[in-house]
């Protein structure tokens, strides 16, 4: 009689692997550990090409008071990270915290920053737990291979954490501090990657640019050519990357998913700013300027941005028309593209198009599998808030209706009503996406509605602790004060006078 061969389990628990015993892989505790009354843990090894080595050649953490000229190299060989899930972790609960603990090759401050990013900072910008898990699941492994992304992530994490230490401190980026040092190292490595033409993952570089852009916006500085420079850089690199990889279907586990959604959102919001898109807007529209053509998925509510995808194209068209209207009103010469009559027709068309979207939110069948009924209602409220945001931009900046008109004030109230339907939360909710619609309502609000917008923005800042929310309120307070002193003040002129390149994001 042959002796049965006992095969080593490759997916079993740590104890069974160490004892070279077959594991039944039951969760939260396998049969052998349960019988032995021993703690049962599972270890997953992530590999990035090649074979794992015992001693990792990962990024060495440096903390000089002044960044050294030398640039850190990303991983060159395969490395492995032990991600330990405790016996209390179910198969569907990937413990992101546990990813950080075994990274002893990083300094304790870096490990703490990554831990904070996963547990707090990423929550404040994610509309749902599923989105936050995807984002962290993409960014953290890439950051361990890409120095520029690692330092950018640390800077963003520390920026958010600094808002908890003091009430909107002005010196959060003081020279020599962790934030300014990490930001400088990220920019240094990013510049080296771009100028030396390293053959690195294009989407890892794009993820670095995305993180730096979000950092600049969230800092609330609104300095000229800060966040916008990253947005324009991302556009150029994304165009080149898409030309390289083609227009294949996007897997939601791929970094391209994150970059595509972020860029579609940030570009459409940029179109609504006073400066608009690069070189105006209507001139750059057309097949040559579109990074990604509209897809059938755009008809559905995008859980990443908390509004329907078709609104991105609407925001760009509205921004283009507003930019043209402003140019015509400040120039003696007629535009080569459109006349005032053309823009009147465009305003009517845009308003009709936006109104046809309101109250018609649809969810992709895949999304319906993980959203509860209550969550769907909150996302619908967020979608409607953004739809009314588009409408109020048409009314005020394209139709040129006065702020005091009944139509504009009704839209202000609709935005407020929609935002109030979303429960305040510190993260992982469409509540974190309320900055844009609240700012749109606040810039046109009158009377008691201003107090309501003020209270909502204060609640939003207290919940998610993003500095740009506080900056939104500061700008609104200035608009409201200017109104009371000298009558209605145009926001675009106010931003231009103060050299602010502000985006309520």
Protein backbone atom coordinates (compact mmCIF):
# COMPACT_ATOMS: atom_id res chain seq x y z
CA UNK A 1 0.00 0.00 0.00
CA UNK A 2 1.44 3.32 -1.08
CA UNK A 3 1.93 6.03 1.46
CA UNK A 4 -0.20 9.05 0.48
CA UNK A 5 1.85 12.05 -0.53
CA UNK A 6 1.29 15.07 1.70
CA UNK A 7 1.47 18.10 -0.56
CA UNK A 8 2.45 21.49 0.72
CA UNK A 9 -0.37 24.05 0.52
CA UNK A 10 0.48 27.11 -1.57
CA UNK A 11 -2.60 29.03 -0.49
CA UNK A 12 -2.92 27.74 3.05
CA UNK A 13 -2.37 29.43 6.37
CA UNK A 14 1.02 30.46 7.70
CA UNK A 15 1.20 27.68 10.31
CA UNK A 16 0.42 24.88 7.82
CA UNK A 17 2.97 26.23 5.35
CA UNK A 18 5.63 26.42 8.04
CA UNK A 19 4.90 22.82 9.12
CA UNK A 20 4.66 21.65 5.47
CA UNK A 21 1.16 20.34 6.07
CA UNK A 22 -1.85 20.33 3.79
CA UNK A 23 -4.28 23.11 4.75
CA UNK A 24 -8.01 23.03 4.08
CA UNK A 25 -7.83 26.85 3.72
CA UNK A 26 -11.01 27.47 5.71
CA UNK A 27 -11.59 31.01 6.99
CA UNK A 28 -11.23 32.50 9.48
CA UNK A 29 -9.46 29.43 10.91
CA UNK A 30 -8.41 26.26 9.10
CA UNK A 31 -9.21 22.84 10.48
CA UNK A 32 -5.67 22.05 11.72
CA UNK A 33 -5.31 25.36 13.60
CA UNK A 34 -8.81 25.01 14.98
CA UNK A 35 -8.08 21.53 16.30
CA UNK A 36 -4.77 22.67 17.79
CA UNK A 37 -6.37 25.79 19.30
CA UNK A 38 -3.70 27.87 17.54
CA UNK A 39 -4.04 31.30 15.97
CA UNK A 40 -4.62 31.00 12.22
CA UNK A 41 -3.26 33.64 9.87
CA UNK A 42 -2.93 33.83 6.11
CA UNK A 43 -0.04 35.35 4.18
CA UNK A 44 -0.26 36.53 0.60
CA UNK A 45 2.92 37.26 -1.35
CA UNK A 46 2.68 39.87 -4.08
CA UNK A 47 5.28 39.61 -6.84
CA UNK A 48 6.23 42.17 -9.47
CA UNK A 49 7.97 40.01 -12.10
CA UNK A 50 10.86 37.63 -11.52
CA UNK A 51 11.40 35.85 -8.24
CA UNK A 52 11.16 37.26 -4.77
CA UNK A 53 14.27 37.77 -2.73
CA UNK A 54 14.76 37.62 0.99
CA UNK A 55 16.38 41.03 1.23
CA UNK A 56 14.45 43.65 -0.65
CA UNK A 57 16.17 46.30 -2.72
CA UNK A 58 13.30 48.71 -2.28
CA UNK A 59 13.43 52.47 -2.06
CA UNK A 60 15.64 53.62 0.78
CA UNK A 61 14.01 56.29 2.86
CA UNK A 62 15.90 59.54 3.07
CA UNK A 63 15.06 62.46 5.29
CA UNK A 64 17.61 65.21 4.68
CA UNK A 65 16.78 68.79 5.59
CA UNK A 66 17.70 69.64 2.01
CA UNK A 67 16.95 67.14 -0.79
CA UNK A 68 20.09 65.67 -2.27
CA UNK A 69 20.63 65.81 -6.03
CA UNK A 70 20.73 62.02 -6.27
CA UNK A 71 17.47 60.54 -7.50
CA UNK A 72 16.08 57.37 -6.01
CA UNK A 73 15.69 54.47 -8.40
CA UNK A 74 12.47 52.44 -8.55
CA UNK A 75 12.53 48.69 -8.05
CA UNK A 76 14.74 46.90 -10.56
CA UNK A 77 14.18 43.33 -9.45
CA UNK A 78 11.26 41.33 -8.20
CA UNK A 79 10.39 41.98 -4.61
CA UNK A 80 7.78 40.44 -2.36
CA UNK A 81 5.68 41.88 0.38
CA UNK A 82 4.03 39.83 3.06
CA UNK A 83 0.48 40.95 3.59
CA UNK A 84 -0.83 39.35 6.71
CA UNK A 85 -4.54 38.98 7.22
CA UNK A 86 -5.54 38.09 10.75
CA UNK A 87 -7.92 35.28 11.57
CA UNK A 88 -10.64 37.87 11.94
CA UNK A 89 -10.32 38.85 8.25
CA UNK A 90 -12.82 37.28 5.90
CA UNK A 91 -11.87 36.41 2.30
CA UNK A 92 -13.72 39.50 1.04
CA UNK A 93 -12.04 41.88 3.51
CA UNK A 94 -8.57 42.63 2.21
CA UNK A 95 -6.75 44.21 5.12
CA UNK A 96 -5.06 47.21 3.58
CA UNK A 97 -3.59 48.11 6.95
CA UNK A 98 -1.65 44.88 7.05
CA UNK A 99 0.16 45.81 3.85
CA UNK A 100 2.09 48.50 5.67
CA UNK A 101 3.24 46.63 8.76
CA UNK A 102 5.82 44.28 7.16
CA UNK A 103 7.53 47.12 5.24
CA UNK A 104 10.42 47.38 7.64
CA UNK A 105 12.68 48.70 4.89
CA UNK A 106 10.77 52.00 5.09
CA UNK A 107 11.17 54.44 7.94
CA UNK A 108 8.55 54.50 10.66
CA UNK A 109 7.39 57.95 9.53
CA UNK A 110 6.82 56.70 5.98
CA UNK A 111 4.96 53.63 7.20
CA UNK A 112 2.82 55.86 9.38
CA UNK A 113 2.06 58.17 6.44
CA UNK A 114 1.02 55.25 4.23
CA UNK A 115 -1.06 53.84 7.07
CA UNK A 116 -2.75 57.24 7.48
CA UNK A 117 -3.32 57.51 3.73
CA UNK A 118 -5.12 54.17 3.67
CA UNK A 119 -7.19 54.79 6.80
CA UNK A 120 -8.00 58.49 6.64
CA UNK A 121 -6.76 60.56 3.73
CA UNK A 122 -8.08 58.24 1.00
CA UNK A 123 -11.45 58.03 2.77
CA UNK A 124 -11.90 61.80 2.49
CA UNK A 125 -11.77 61.65 -1.31
CA UNK A 126 -13.60 58.38 -1.97
CA UNK A 127 -17.36 58.26 -2.47
CA UNK A 128 -17.71 54.59 -1.49
CA UNK A 129 -15.68 51.83 0.25
CA UNK A 130 -15.39 49.93 -3.04
CA UNK A 131 -13.80 52.98 -4.70
CA UNK A 132 -11.40 53.50 -1.79
CA UNK A 133 -10.29 49.86 -1.89
CA UNK A 134 -9.62 50.05 -5.62
CA UNK A 135 -7.67 53.29 -5.32
CA UNK A 136 -5.48 52.08 -2.45
CA UNK A 137 -5.07 48.67 -4.07
CA UNK A 138 -3.60 50.41 -7.12
CA UNK A 139 -1.65 53.27 -5.56
CA UNK A 140 0.14 51.56 -2.66
CA UNK A 141 1.86 48.77 -4.68
CA UNK A 142 2.80 51.25 -7.43
CA UNK A 143 4.16 53.69 -4.84
CA UNK A 144 6.56 51.03 -3.54
CA UNK A 145 8.05 50.77 -7.04
CA UNK A 146 7.81 54.43 -8.05
CA UNK A 147 9.67 56.94 -5.83
CA UNK A 148 7.86 59.97 -7.24
CA UNK A 149 4.48 58.42 -6.41
CA UNK A 150 5.61 57.31 -2.96
CA UNK A 151 6.72 60.82 -2.00
CA UNK A 152 3.62 62.41 -3.56
CA UNK A 153 1.39 60.05 -1.58
CA UNK A 154 3.26 60.88 1.64
CA UNK A 155 2.87 64.62 0.93
CA UNK A 156 -0.87 64.26 0.31
CA UNK A 157 -1.29 62.12 3.42
CA UNK A 158 0.62 64.56 5.62
CA UNK A 159 -1.29 67.52 4.14
CA UNK A 160 -4.55 65.97 5.27
CA UNK A 161 -3.14 64.99 8.66
CA UNK A 162 -1.88 68.54 9.27
CA UNK A 163 -5.47 69.80 9.04
CA UNK A 164 -6.25 67.74 12.14
CA UNK A 165 -3.39 69.21 14.17
CA UNK A 166 -4.39 72.85 13.89
CA UNK A 167 -7.28 74.86 12.54
CA UNK A 168 -6.16 75.60 8.98
CA UNK A 169 -2.46 76.29 9.75
CA UNK A 170 -0.75 78.54 7.23
CA UNK A 171 2.73 77.05 7.60
CA UNK A 172 1.90 73.42 6.77
CA UNK A 173 4.50 73.40 3.99
CA UNK A 174 7.30 75.16 5.84
CA UNK A 175 10.80 74.47 4.42
CA UNK A 176 12.41 71.37 5.89
CA UNK A 177 9.09 69.92 6.99
CA UNK A 178 7.92 66.50 5.94
CA UNK A 179 5.34 67.85 3.51
CA UNK A 180 7.66 70.22 1.63
CA UNK A 181 10.49 67.66 1.67
CA UNK A 182 8.29 64.87 0.29
CA UNK A 183 6.84 67.19 -2.33
CA UNK A 184 10.31 68.28 -3.45
CA UNK A 185 11.52 64.67 -3.71
CA UNK A 186 8.42 63.69 -5.67
CA UNK A 187 8.89 66.51 -8.17
CA UNK A 188 12.61 65.76 -8.42
CA UNK A 189 12.01 62.09 -9.25
CA UNK A 190 9.13 62.90 -11.58
CA UNK A 191 11.24 65.38 -13.52
CA UNK A 192 14.01 62.81 -13.83
CA UNK A 193 11.55 60.19 -15.10
CA UNK A 194 10.19 62.56 -17.73
CA UNK A 195 13.44 64.14 -18.91
CA UNK A 196 15.51 60.95 -18.98
CA UNK A 197 12.79 58.99 -20.75
CA UNK A 198 12.85 56.00 -18.41
CA UNK A 199 10.92 53.00 -19.56
CA UNK A 200 8.55 52.96 -16.63
CA UNK A 201 4.85 52.31 -16.39
CA UNK A 202 3.15 55.28 -18.00
CA UNK A 203 0.15 54.95 -15.72
CA UNK A 204 2.38 54.96 -12.64
CA UNK A 205 3.76 58.32 -13.79
CA UNK A 206 0.23 59.53 -14.49
CA UNK A 207 -0.83 58.42 -11.03
CA UNK A 208 2.01 60.52 -9.60
CA UNK A 209 0.82 63.54 -11.57
CA UNK A 210 -2.76 62.91 -10.40
CA UNK A 211 -1.61 62.81 -6.77
CA UNK A 212 0.43 66.01 -7.13
CA UNK A 213 -2.49 67.76 -8.81
CA UNK A 214 -4.85 66.75 -6.01
CA UNK A 215 -2.26 67.89 -3.47
CA UNK A 216 -2.06 71.37 -5.03
CA UNK A 217 -5.86 71.69 -5.17
CA UNK A 218 -6.42 70.41 -1.65
CA UNK A 219 -3.79 72.76 -0.27
CA UNK A 220 -6.22 75.59 -1.01
CA UNK A 221 -3.52 77.93 -2.26
CA UNK A 222 -5.09 78.55 -5.68
CA UNK A 223 -1.69 79.75 -6.91
CA UNK A 224 -1.36 80.39 -10.67
CA UNK A 225 -0.03 77.44 -12.67
CA UNK A 226 0.11 75.05 -9.71
CA UNK A 227 -2.58 72.38 -10.10
CA UNK A 228 -3.24 73.45 -13.71
CA UNK A 229 0.33 72.63 -14.77
CA UNK A 230 -0.16 69.06 -13.53
CA UNK A 231 -3.52 68.80 -15.29
CA UNK A 232 -2.04 69.92 -18.61
CA UNK A 233 0.95 67.61 -18.13
CA UNK A 234 -1.39 64.71 -17.48
CA UNK A 235 -3.31 65.51 -20.66
CA UNK A 236 -0.17 65.38 -22.79
CA UNK A 237 1.14 62.19 -21.18
CA UNK A 238 -2.26 60.51 -21.24
CA UNK A 239 -2.58 61.22 -24.94
CA UNK A 240 0.84 59.66 -25.58
CA UNK A 241 0.09 56.68 -23.34
CA UNK A 242 -3.23 55.99 -25.01
CA UNK A 243 -1.56 56.16 -28.42
CA UNK A 244 0.90 53.58 -27.16
CA UNK A 245 -1.60 51.18 -25.63
CA UNK A 246 -4.54 51.84 -27.94
CA UNK A 247 -8.20 52.01 -26.99
CA UNK A 248 -8.63 48.59 -25.45
CA UNK A 249 -11.30 47.98 -22.84
CA UNK A 250 -10.44 49.28 -19.39
CA UNK A 251 -10.31 46.79 -16.53
CA UNK A 252 -11.39 48.29 -13.21
CA UNK A 253 -8.35 46.73 -11.54
CA UNK A 254 -6.06 48.59 -13.93
CA UNK A 255 -4.58 52.02 -13.10
CA UNK A 256 -5.95 53.28 -16.40
CA UNK A 257 -9.44 53.08 -14.85
CA UNK A 258 -8.41 55.48 -12.10
CA UNK A 259 -6.60 57.90 -14.40
CA UNK A 260 -9.38 58.02 -17.00
CA UNK A 261 -12.05 58.83 -14.44
CA UNK A 262 -9.96 61.38 -12.59
CA UNK A 263 -8.90 63.18 -15.76
CA UNK A 264 -12.43 63.30 -17.23
CA UNK A 265 -13.62 64.91 -14.00
CA UNK A 266 -10.76 67.38 -13.48
CA UNK A 267 -10.77 68.50 -17.11
CA UNK A 268 -14.50 69.19 -17.09
CA UNK A 269 -14.24 71.20 -13.84
CA UNK A 270 -11.28 73.10 -15.30
CA UNK A 271 -13.47 74.10 -18.25
CA UNK A 272 -15.79 75.86 -15.78
CA UNK A 273 -13.02 77.97 -14.21
CA UNK A 274 -12.39 81.59 -15.11
CA UNK A 275 -9.38 80.69 -17.28
CA UNK A 276 -11.06 77.67 -18.82
CA UNK A 277 -9.02 75.12 -20.73
CA UNK A 278 -5.72 75.79 -22.46
CA UNK A 279 -6.01 78.13 -25.49
CA UNK A 280 -9.65 78.81 -24.89
CA UNK A 281 -12.14 76.03 -25.38
CA UNK A 282 -14.12 75.96 -28.57
CA UNK A 283 -10.94 76.09 -30.63
CA UNK A 284 -9.66 72.89 -29.05
CA UNK A 285 -12.90 70.93 -29.25
CA UNK A 286 -13.21 68.16 -31.77
CA UNK A 287 -11.86 64.67 -32.35
CA UNK A 288 -8.22 65.77 -32.05
CA UNK A 289 -8.63 67.18 -28.56
CA UNK A 290 -10.68 64.43 -26.99
CA UNK A 291 -8.63 62.14 -24.80
CA UNK A 292 -11.41 59.59 -24.57
CA UNK A 293 -14.48 59.42 -26.76
CA UNK A 294 -17.85 59.07 -25.00
CA UNK A 295 -18.82 55.48 -24.31
CA UNK A 296 -22.04 53.72 -23.43
CA UNK A 297 -20.90 53.71 -19.80
CA UNK A 298 -21.14 57.52 -19.73
CA UNK A 299 -24.92 57.26 -19.53
CA UNK A 300 -24.58 55.68 -16.09
CA UNK A 301 -23.87 57.36 -12.78
CA UNK A 302 -20.14 57.05 -12.13
CA UNK A 303 -19.59 56.06 -8.50
CA UNK A 304 -16.03 57.45 -8.64
CA UNK A 305 -17.19 61.03 -9.34
CA UNK A 306 -20.72 60.67 -7.90
CA UNK A 307 -22.43 62.01 -11.03
CA UNK A 308 -23.43 60.76 -14.49
CA UNK A 309 -20.59 60.55 -17.01
CA UNK A 310 -22.39 62.59 -19.69
CA UNK A 311 -22.09 65.65 -17.44
CA UNK A 312 -18.36 65.84 -18.21
CA UNK A 313 -19.07 66.71 -21.84
CA UNK A 314 -21.82 69.10 -20.73
CA UNK A 315 -19.48 70.93 -18.34
CA UNK A 316 -16.93 71.38 -21.14
CA UNK A 317 -19.52 72.72 -23.55
CA UNK A 318 -20.90 75.10 -20.91
CA UNK A 319 -17.40 76.29 -20.03
CA UNK A 320 -16.65 76.85 -23.71
CA UNK A 321 -19.79 78.91 -24.25
CA UNK A 322 -19.16 80.91 -21.04
CA UNK A 323 -15.59 81.62 -22.13
CA UNK A 324 -16.80 82.82 -25.53
CA UNK A 325 -19.50 84.97 -23.95
CA UNK A 326 -16.97 86.56 -21.66
CA UNK A 327 -14.58 87.21 -24.55
CA UNK A 328 -17.30 88.87 -26.62
CA UNK A 329 -18.35 91.08 -23.72
CA UNK A 330 -14.79 92.27 -23.06
CA UNK A 331 -13.73 92.82 -26.67
CA UNK A 332 -14.78 95.35 -29.28
CA UNK A 333 -14.43 92.78 -32.03
CA UNK A 334 -16.81 89.96 -32.73
CA UNK A 335 -15.46 86.47 -32.13
CA UNK A 336 -14.31 84.63 -35.22
CA UNK A 337 -16.23 81.61 -33.99
CA UNK A 338 -19.53 82.81 -32.54
CA UNK A 339 -21.69 85.92 -32.34
CA UNK A 340 -23.90 86.99 -29.44
CA UNK A 341 -26.90 85.55 -31.30
CA UNK A 342 -25.06 82.25 -31.74
CA UNK A 343 -24.42 82.13 -28.01
CA UNK A 344 -28.06 82.89 -27.22
CA UNK A 345 -29.04 79.86 -29.28
CA UNK A 346 -26.27 77.80 -27.64
CA UNK A 347 -27.51 78.80 -24.17
CA UNK A 348 -31.04 77.65 -24.99
CA UNK A 349 -29.74 74.37 -26.38
CA UNK A 350 -27.49 73.75 -23.37
CA UNK A 351 -30.27 74.48 -20.89
CA UNK A 352 -32.61 72.08 -22.67
CA UNK A 353 -29.94 69.39 -22.71
CA UNK A 354 -29.17 69.76 -18.99
CA UNK A 355 -32.81 69.81 -17.96
CA UNK A 356 -33.37 66.57 -19.88
CA UNK A 357 -30.79 64.89 -17.59
CA UNK A 358 -32.26 65.98 -14.25
CA UNK A 359 -33.83 63.20 -12.21
CA UNK A 360 -32.87 60.43 -14.65
CA UNK A 361 -29.91 58.82 -12.91
CA UNK A 362 -29.15 55.26 -13.98
CA UNK A 363 -26.80 52.74 -12.38
CA UNK A 364 -24.70 50.23 -14.26
CA UNK A 365 -25.82 46.64 -13.55
CA UNK A 366 -22.40 45.87 -12.00
CA UNK A 367 -22.73 48.82 -9.63
CA UNK A 368 -26.16 47.68 -8.48
CA UNK A 369 -24.58 44.52 -7.10
CA UNK A 370 -22.72 46.38 -4.32
CA UNK A 371 -24.77 49.54 -3.66
CA UNK A 372 -27.55 49.37 -1.10
CA UNK A 373 -30.90 51.06 -1.74
CA UNK A 374 -29.99 53.84 0.72
CA UNK A 375 -26.63 54.40 -0.99
CA UNK A 376 -28.32 54.63 -4.37
CA UNK A 377 -30.59 57.38 -3.10
CA UNK A 378 -27.60 59.36 -1.85
CA UNK A 379 -25.77 58.98 -5.16
CA UNK A 380 -28.91 60.09 -7.01
CA UNK A 381 -29.02 63.21 -4.82
CA UNK A 382 -25.37 63.90 -5.62
CA UNK A 383 -26.01 63.41 -9.34
CA UNK A 384 -28.91 65.87 -9.26
CA UNK A 385 -26.80 68.39 -7.35
CA UNK A 386 -24.25 68.27 -10.18
CA UNK A 387 -26.99 68.49 -12.82
CA UNK A 388 -28.32 71.66 -11.19
CA UNK A 389 -24.73 72.89 -10.97
CA UNK A 390 -24.51 72.62 -14.75
CA UNK A 391 -27.83 74.43 -15.06
CA UNK A 392 -26.83 77.35 -12.87
CA UNK A 393 -23.64 77.85 -14.90
CA UNK A 394 -25.77 78.02 -18.06
CA UNK A 395 -28.18 80.46 -16.48
CA UNK A 396 -25.59 82.84 -15.08
CA UNK A 397 -22.62 82.59 -17.42
CA UNK A 398 -24.17 81.80 -20.80
CA UNK A 399 -27.74 83.14 -20.59
CA UNK A 400 -26.37 85.99 -18.40
CA UNK A 401 -29.47 85.98 -16.20
CA UNK A 402 -29.18 88.29 -13.16
CA UNK A 403 -28.39 86.64 -9.86
CA UNK A 404 -31.65 87.87 -8.37
CA UNK A 405 -33.78 86.24 -11.08
CA UNK A 406 -36.35 83.69 -9.95
CA UNK A 407 -34.82 81.02 -12.22
CA UNK A 408 -31.33 81.36 -10.71
CA UNK A 409 -32.55 81.47 -7.11
CA UNK A 410 -34.74 78.41 -7.70
CA UNK A 411 -31.69 76.50 -8.95
CA UNK A 412 -29.72 77.60 -5.87
CA UNK A 413 -32.41 76.12 -3.66
CA UNK A 414 -32.50 72.90 -5.69
CA UNK A 415 -28.75 72.38 -5.21
CA UNK A 416 -29.08 72.97 -1.47
CA UNK A 417 -31.99 70.53 -1.24
CA UNK A 418 -30.02 67.83 -3.08
CA UNK A 419 -26.92 68.22 -0.89
CA UNK A 420 -29.05 68.08 2.25
CA UNK A 421 -30.28 64.64 1.19
CA UNK A 422 -26.72 63.31 1.54
CA UNK A 423 -25.77 62.33 5.07
CA UNK A 424 -22.58 64.05 6.33
CA UNK A 425 -19.75 61.56 6.73
CA UNK A 426 -15.95 61.71 7.18
CA UNK A 427 -15.53 59.77 3.96
CA UNK A 428 -16.62 56.83 1.83
CA UNK A 429 -19.80 58.65 0.86
CA UNK A 430 -20.95 60.96 -1.99
CA UNK A 431 -20.91 63.63 0.73
CA UNK A 432 -17.17 64.08 0.03
CA UNK A 433 -18.06 65.26 -3.50
CA UNK A 434 -20.31 68.12 -2.36
CA UNK A 435 -17.71 70.91 -2.69
CA UNK A 436 -18.38 71.70 -6.36
CA UNK A 437 -22.19 72.01 -6.18
CA UNK A 438 -22.09 73.91 -2.88
CA UNK A 439 -19.66 76.46 -4.30
CA UNK A 440 -21.83 76.86 -7.41
CA UNK A 441 -24.87 77.49 -5.23
CA UNK A 442 -22.97 79.76 -2.85
CA UNK A 443 -21.65 82.09 -5.54
CA UNK A 444 -25.25 82.89 -6.59
CA UNK A 445 -27.05 82.54 -3.24
CA UNK A 446 -28.86 85.43 -1.57
CA UNK A 447 -30.23 86.04 1.92
CA UNK A 448 -30.74 83.01 4.15
CA UNK A 449 -29.47 80.65 1.47
CA UNK A 450 -25.98 82.07 2.05
CA UNK A 451 -26.17 81.04 5.69
CA UNK A 452 -27.30 77.55 4.68
CA UNK A 453 -24.40 77.18 2.22
CA UNK A 454 -21.99 78.49 4.87
CA UNK A 455 -23.20 75.92 7.41
CA UNK A 456 -23.03 73.08 4.88
CA UNK A 457 -19.47 73.97 3.87
CA UNK A 458 -18.38 74.22 7.51
CA UNK A 459 -19.92 70.81 8.16
CA UNK A 460 -18.20 69.43 5.05
CA UNK A 461 -14.82 70.78 6.16
CA UNK A 462 -15.27 69.42 9.68
CA UNK A 463 -16.09 66.03 8.15
CA UNK A 464 -13.36 65.56 5.54
CA UNK A 465 -10.75 68.17 6.60
CA UNK A 466 -9.75 69.23 3.09
CA UNK A 467 -8.34 72.75 3.01
CA UNK A 468 -9.84 73.63 -0.34
CA UNK A 469 -13.30 73.38 1.22
CA UNK A 470 -12.30 76.09 3.68
CA UNK A 471 -10.87 78.11 0.81
CA UNK A 472 -14.21 77.81 -1.00
CA UNK A 473 -15.94 79.38 1.96
CA UNK A 474 -13.30 82.13 2.26
CA UNK A 475 -13.85 83.10 -1.39
CA UNK A 476 -17.63 83.02 -0.98
CA UNK A 477 -17.41 85.24 2.10
CA UNK A 478 -15.39 87.72 0.04
CA UNK A 479 -17.97 87.63 -2.76
CA UNK A 480 -20.81 88.17 -0.30
CA UNK A 481 -18.99 91.04 1.40
CA UNK A 482 -18.19 92.68 -1.93
CA UNK A 483 -21.85 92.39 -2.93
CA UNK A 484 -22.97 94.19 0.21
CA UNK A 485 -20.35 96.93 -0.28
CA UNK A 486 -20.69 97.71 -3.98
CA UNK A 487 -23.44 95.62 -5.50
CA UNK A 488 -23.21 92.39 -7.47
CA UNK A 489 -19.64 91.33 -8.16
CA UNK A 490 -18.67 88.91 -10.90
CA UNK A 491 -16.66 85.97 -9.53
CA UNK A 492 -14.57 85.67 -12.67
CA UNK A 493 -13.43 89.28 -12.31
CA UNK A 494 -12.74 88.79 -8.61
CA UNK A 495 -10.54 85.76 -9.23
CA UNK A 496 -8.73 87.58 -12.04
CA UNK A 497 -8.08 90.65 -9.87
CA UNK A 498 -6.53 88.49 -7.14
CA UNK A 499 -4.59 86.26 -9.57
CA UNK A 500 -6.36 83.18 -8.19
CA UNK A 501 -6.61 80.06 -10.32
CA UNK A 502 -9.27 78.46 -8.17
CA UNK A 503 -11.13 75.20 -8.72
CA UNK A 504 -13.78 74.01 -6.22
CA UNK A 505 -12.75 70.35 -6.21
